[in-house]
Amino acid sequence: MSRNPSISMTEHQQAFVERMISSGRYHGVSEVVRAGLRLLEAHEERQVAALGGLQDLVQQAYESGEPEPLESLDDIIAEAERKA
């Protein structure tokens, strides 16, 4: 990949970048883009971790054996009331 890749932005995105630079938080377009990429990377890592957790739960459920019928909701409520 090129050291300084060219990117295309919508007018809305360009205006946002300009506001961020004007606010003094960032000194240039590259800083704004790098900050956005850091957020995207963190978001993607959280999604991968969450998906991995879901896959683990599905595997555990699969390995737990044949499903058993659930109690009725009325039975669950009655048991909870007895315990309260």
N, C-alpha and C. Protein backbone atom coordinates (compact mmCIF):
# COMPACT_ATOMS: atom_id res chain seq x y z
N MET A 1 0.84 -1.17 0.00
CA MET A 1 0.00 0.00 0.00
C MET A 1 0.89 1.24 0.00
N SER A 2 0.44 2.22 -0.66
CA SER A 2 1.15 3.50 -0.73
C SER A 2 1.28 4.12 0.66
N ARG A 3 2.36 4.80 0.90
CA ARG A 3 2.59 5.45 2.19
C ARG A 3 1.52 6.50 2.47
N ASN A 4 1.09 7.21 1.47
CA ASN A 4 0.05 8.23 1.61
C ASN A 4 -1.09 7.93 0.64
N PRO A 5 -1.94 7.00 1.01
CA PRO A 5 -3.03 6.65 0.10
C PRO A 5 -4.02 7.80 -0.06
N SER A 6 -4.60 7.87 -1.21
CA SER A 6 -5.61 8.88 -1.50
C SER A 6 -6.96 8.33 -1.03
N ILE A 7 -7.75 9.18 -0.41
CA ILE A 7 -9.08 8.74 0.02
C ILE A 7 -10.12 9.72 -0.52
N SER A 8 -11.31 9.20 -0.71
CA SER A 8 -12.43 10.02 -1.15
C SER A 8 -13.39 10.18 0.02
N MET A 9 -13.89 11.40 0.22
CA MET A 9 -14.84 11.67 1.28
C MET A 9 -16.03 12.41 0.72
N THR A 10 -17.16 12.20 1.36
CA THR A 10 -18.35 12.97 1.00
C THR A 10 -18.17 14.40 1.51
N GLU A 11 -19.03 15.29 1.07
CA GLU A 11 -18.96 16.67 1.56
C GLU A 11 -19.17 16.71 3.06
N HIS A 12 -20.08 15.89 3.56
CA HIS A 12 -20.34 15.83 5.00
C HIS A 12 -19.08 15.41 5.75
N GLN A 13 -18.40 14.38 5.26
CA GLN A 13 -17.18 13.91 5.91
C GLN A 13 -16.08 14.97 5.85
N GLN A 14 -15.95 15.63 4.71
CA GLN A 14 -14.95 16.69 4.58
C GLN A 14 -15.21 17.82 5.56
N ALA A 15 -16.48 18.19 5.70
CA ALA A 15 -16.84 19.26 6.63
C ALA A 15 -16.52 18.84 8.07
N PHE A 16 -16.78 17.58 8.39
CA PHE A 16 -16.48 17.07 9.73
C PHE A 16 -14.98 17.14 10.00
N VAL A 17 -14.19 16.67 9.06
CA VAL A 17 -12.73 16.70 9.20
C VAL A 17 -12.27 18.15 9.39
N GLU A 18 -12.79 19.06 8.61
CA GLU A 18 -12.42 20.47 8.72
C GLU A 18 -12.78 21.03 10.10
N ARG A 19 -13.95 20.63 10.62
CA ARG A 19 -14.35 21.08 11.96
C ARG A 19 -13.40 20.54 13.02
N MET A 20 -13.01 19.30 12.89
CA MET A 20 -12.10 18.72 13.86
C MET A 20 -10.75 19.43 13.86
N ILE A 21 -10.28 19.78 12.68
CA ILE A 21 -9.00 20.50 12.56
C ILE A 21 -9.16 21.92 13.10
N SER A 22 -10.26 22.57 12.74
CA SER A 22 -10.51 23.95 13.20
C SER A 22 -10.64 24.02 14.72
N SER A 23 -11.14 22.95 15.32
CA SER A 23 -11.32 22.95 16.78
C SER A 23 -9.99 22.90 17.51
N GLY A 24 -8.95 22.52 16.80
CA GLY A 24 -7.62 22.43 17.42
C GLY A 24 -7.32 21.06 18.00
N ARG A 25 -8.28 20.16 17.96
CA ARG A 25 -8.04 18.81 18.49
C ARG A 25 -7.08 18.03 17.61
N TYR A 26 -7.12 18.31 16.32
CA TYR A 26 -6.28 17.60 15.37
C TYR A 26 -5.53 18.64 14.54
N HIS A 27 -4.34 18.26 14.09
CA HIS A 27 -3.52 19.19 13.33
C HIS A 27 -3.58 18.97 11.82
N GLY A 28 -4.26 17.93 11.41
CA GLY A 28 -4.37 17.69 9.98
C GLY A 28 -5.29 16.52 9.67
N VAL A 29 -5.55 16.36 8.39
CA VAL A 29 -6.43 15.30 7.92
C VAL A 29 -5.91 13.93 8.36
N SER A 30 -4.61 13.72 8.28
CA SER A 30 -4.05 12.42 8.65
C SER A 30 -4.36 12.05 10.09
N GLU A 31 -4.28 13.03 10.99
CA GLU A 31 -4.58 12.74 12.39
C GLU A 31 -6.04 12.35 12.58
N VAL A 32 -6.93 13.04 11.88
CA VAL A 32 -8.36 12.72 11.99
C VAL A 32 -8.61 11.31 11.44
N VAL A 33 -8.03 10.99 10.31
CA VAL A 33 -8.22 9.67 9.71
C VAL A 33 -7.64 8.58 10.61
N ARG A 34 -6.45 8.81 11.18
CA ARG A 34 -5.85 7.82 12.08
C ARG A 34 -6.73 7.60 13.31
N ALA A 35 -7.29 8.68 13.86
CA ALA A 35 -8.19 8.54 15.02
C ALA A 35 -9.42 7.71 14.65
N GLY A 36 -9.96 7.98 13.48
CA GLY A 36 -11.11 7.19 13.01
C GLY A 36 -10.76 5.73 12.81
N LEU A 37 -9.59 5.48 12.27
CA LEU A 37 -9.16 4.10 12.05
C LEU A 37 -8.93 3.37 13.37
N ARG A 38 -8.41 4.09 14.38
CA ARG A 38 -8.24 3.46 15.70
C ARG A 38 -9.59 3.04 16.26
N LEU A 39 -10.58 3.92 16.14
CA LEU A 39 -11.93 3.58 16.61
C LEU A 39 -12.52 2.40 15.84
N LEU A 40 -12.33 2.39 14.54
CA LEU A 40 -12.83 1.29 13.72
C LEU A 40 -12.16 -0.02 14.10
N GLU A 41 -10.85 0.03 14.32
CA GLU A 41 -10.12 -1.18 14.71
C GLU A 41 -10.62 -1.71 16.05
N ALA A 42 -10.82 -0.82 17.02
CA ALA A 42 -11.33 -1.24 18.33
C ALA A 42 -12.73 -1.84 18.21
N HIS A 43 -13.56 -1.22 17.38
CA HIS A 43 -14.92 -1.72 17.15
C HIS A 43 -14.88 -3.12 16.54
N GLU A 44 -14.05 -3.30 15.54
CA GLU A 44 -13.93 -4.61 14.88
C GLU A 44 -13.43 -5.67 15.86
N GLU A 45 -12.47 -5.31 16.71
CA GLU A 45 -11.95 -6.26 17.70
C GLU A 45 -13.05 -6.68 18.67
N ARG A 46 -13.89 -5.72 19.10
CA ARG A 46 -15.00 -6.06 20.00
C ARG A 46 -15.99 -6.98 19.31
N GLN A 47 -16.26 -6.73 18.03
CA GLN A 47 -17.20 -7.58 17.31
C GLN A 47 -16.66 -9.00 17.16
N VAL A 48 -15.37 -9.12 16.85
CA VAL A 48 -14.76 -10.45 16.72
C VAL A 48 -14.82 -11.18 18.04
N ALA A 49 -14.53 -10.48 19.15
CA ALA A 49 -14.58 -11.10 20.47
C ALA A 49 -16.01 -11.53 20.81
N ALA A 50 -16.98 -10.68 20.51
CA ALA A 50 -18.38 -11.02 20.80
C ALA A 50 -18.81 -12.22 19.97
N LEU A 51 -18.45 -12.25 18.71
CA LEU A 51 -18.81 -13.38 17.85
C LEU A 51 -18.16 -14.66 18.36
N GLY A 52 -16.91 -14.57 18.78
CA GLY A 52 -16.23 -15.74 19.33
C GLY A 52 -16.95 -16.25 20.57
N GLY A 53 -17.40 -15.32 21.42
CA GLY A 53 -18.15 -15.71 22.61
C GLY A 53 -19.46 -16.40 22.26
N LEU A 54 -20.15 -15.88 21.26
CA LEU A 54 -21.40 -16.50 20.81
C LEU A 54 -21.14 -17.90 20.24
N GLN A 55 -20.07 -18.02 19.47
CA GLN A 55 -19.74 -19.33 18.91
C GLN A 55 -19.45 -20.33 20.02
N ASP A 56 -18.76 -19.88 21.08
CA ASP A 56 -18.48 -20.76 22.22
C ASP A 56 -19.77 -21.20 22.89
N LEU A 57 -20.72 -20.26 23.06
CA LEU A 57 -21.99 -20.60 23.68
C LEU A 57 -22.79 -21.59 22.84
N VAL A 58 -22.78 -21.39 21.54
CA VAL A 58 -23.48 -22.33 20.65
C VAL A 58 -22.86 -23.71 20.75
N GLN A 59 -21.52 -23.77 20.79
CA GLN A 59 -20.84 -25.06 20.91
C GLN A 59 -21.18 -25.74 22.23
N GLN A 60 -21.20 -24.97 23.31
CA GLN A 60 -21.55 -25.53 24.61
C GLN A 60 -22.98 -26.07 24.60
N ALA A 61 -23.88 -25.33 23.99
CA ALA A 61 -25.27 -25.79 23.91
C ALA A 61 -25.37 -27.07 23.09
N TYR A 62 -24.64 -27.11 22.00
CA TYR A 62 -24.64 -28.30 21.14
C TYR A 62 -24.11 -29.51 21.90
N GLU A 63 -23.05 -29.30 22.68
CA GLU A 63 -22.42 -30.40 23.40
C GLU A 63 -23.18 -30.80 24.67
N SER A 64 -24.15 -30.00 25.08
CA SER A 64 -24.86 -30.29 26.33
C SER A 64 -25.85 -31.44 26.20
N GLY A 65 -26.09 -31.88 25.02
CA GLY A 65 -26.98 -33.03 24.83
C GLY A 65 -28.33 -32.64 24.27
N GLU A 66 -29.21 -33.62 24.31
CA GLU A 66 -30.55 -33.42 23.76
C GLU A 66 -31.32 -32.40 24.61
N PRO A 67 -32.14 -31.61 23.95
CA PRO A 67 -32.93 -30.63 24.70
C PRO A 67 -34.01 -31.32 25.53
N GLU A 68 -34.35 -30.68 26.64
CA GLU A 68 -35.41 -31.17 27.50
C GLU A 68 -36.53 -30.15 27.50
N PRO A 69 -37.76 -30.62 27.68
CA PRO A 69 -38.88 -29.66 27.71
C PRO A 69 -38.71 -28.67 28.86
N LEU A 70 -39.08 -27.44 28.60
CA LEU A 70 -39.02 -26.41 29.64
C LEU A 70 -40.27 -26.48 30.50
N GLU A 71 -40.13 -26.01 31.74
CA GLU A 71 -41.29 -25.90 32.61
C GLU A 71 -42.20 -24.82 32.05
N SER A 72 -43.44 -24.87 32.47
CA SER A 72 -44.34 -23.81 32.03
C SER A 72 -43.99 -22.53 32.77
N LEU A 73 -44.34 -21.42 32.21
CA LEU A 73 -44.08 -20.13 32.83
C LEU A 73 -44.78 -20.04 34.18
N ASP A 74 -45.98 -20.60 34.28
CA ASP A 74 -46.71 -20.57 35.55
C ASP A 74 -45.95 -21.34 36.63
N ASP A 75 -45.35 -22.49 36.26
CA ASP A 75 -44.58 -23.26 37.23
C ASP A 75 -43.35 -22.49 37.69
N ILE A 76 -42.68 -21.81 36.77
CA ILE A 76 -41.49 -21.03 37.10
C ILE A 76 -41.85 -19.89 38.05
N ILE A 77 -42.97 -19.20 37.78
CA ILE A 77 -43.42 -18.10 38.63
C ILE A 77 -43.80 -18.62 40.01
N ALA A 78 -44.53 -19.73 40.05
CA ALA A 78 -44.94 -20.30 41.34
C ALA A 78 -43.73 -20.70 42.17
N GLU A 79 -42.73 -21.29 41.55
CA GLU A 79 -41.51 -21.68 42.28
C GLU A 79 -40.77 -20.45 42.79
N ALA A 80 -40.70 -19.42 41.98
CA ALA A 80 -40.05 -18.18 42.41
C ALA A 80 -40.79 -17.55 43.58
N GLU A 81 -42.10 -17.60 43.57
CA GLU A 81 -42.90 -17.05 44.66
C GLU A 81 -42.71 -17.86 45.94
N ARG A 82 -42.59 -19.18 45.81
CA ARG A 82 -42.36 -20.03 46.99
C ARG A 82 -41.03 -19.72 47.63
N LYS A 83 -40.02 -19.40 46.80
CA LYS A 83 -38.68 -19.13 47.29
C LYS A 83 -38.56 -17.72 47.87
N ALA A 84 -39.48 -16.84 47.51
CA ALA A 84 -39.40 -15.43 47.95
C ALA A 84 -39.82 -15.26 49.39
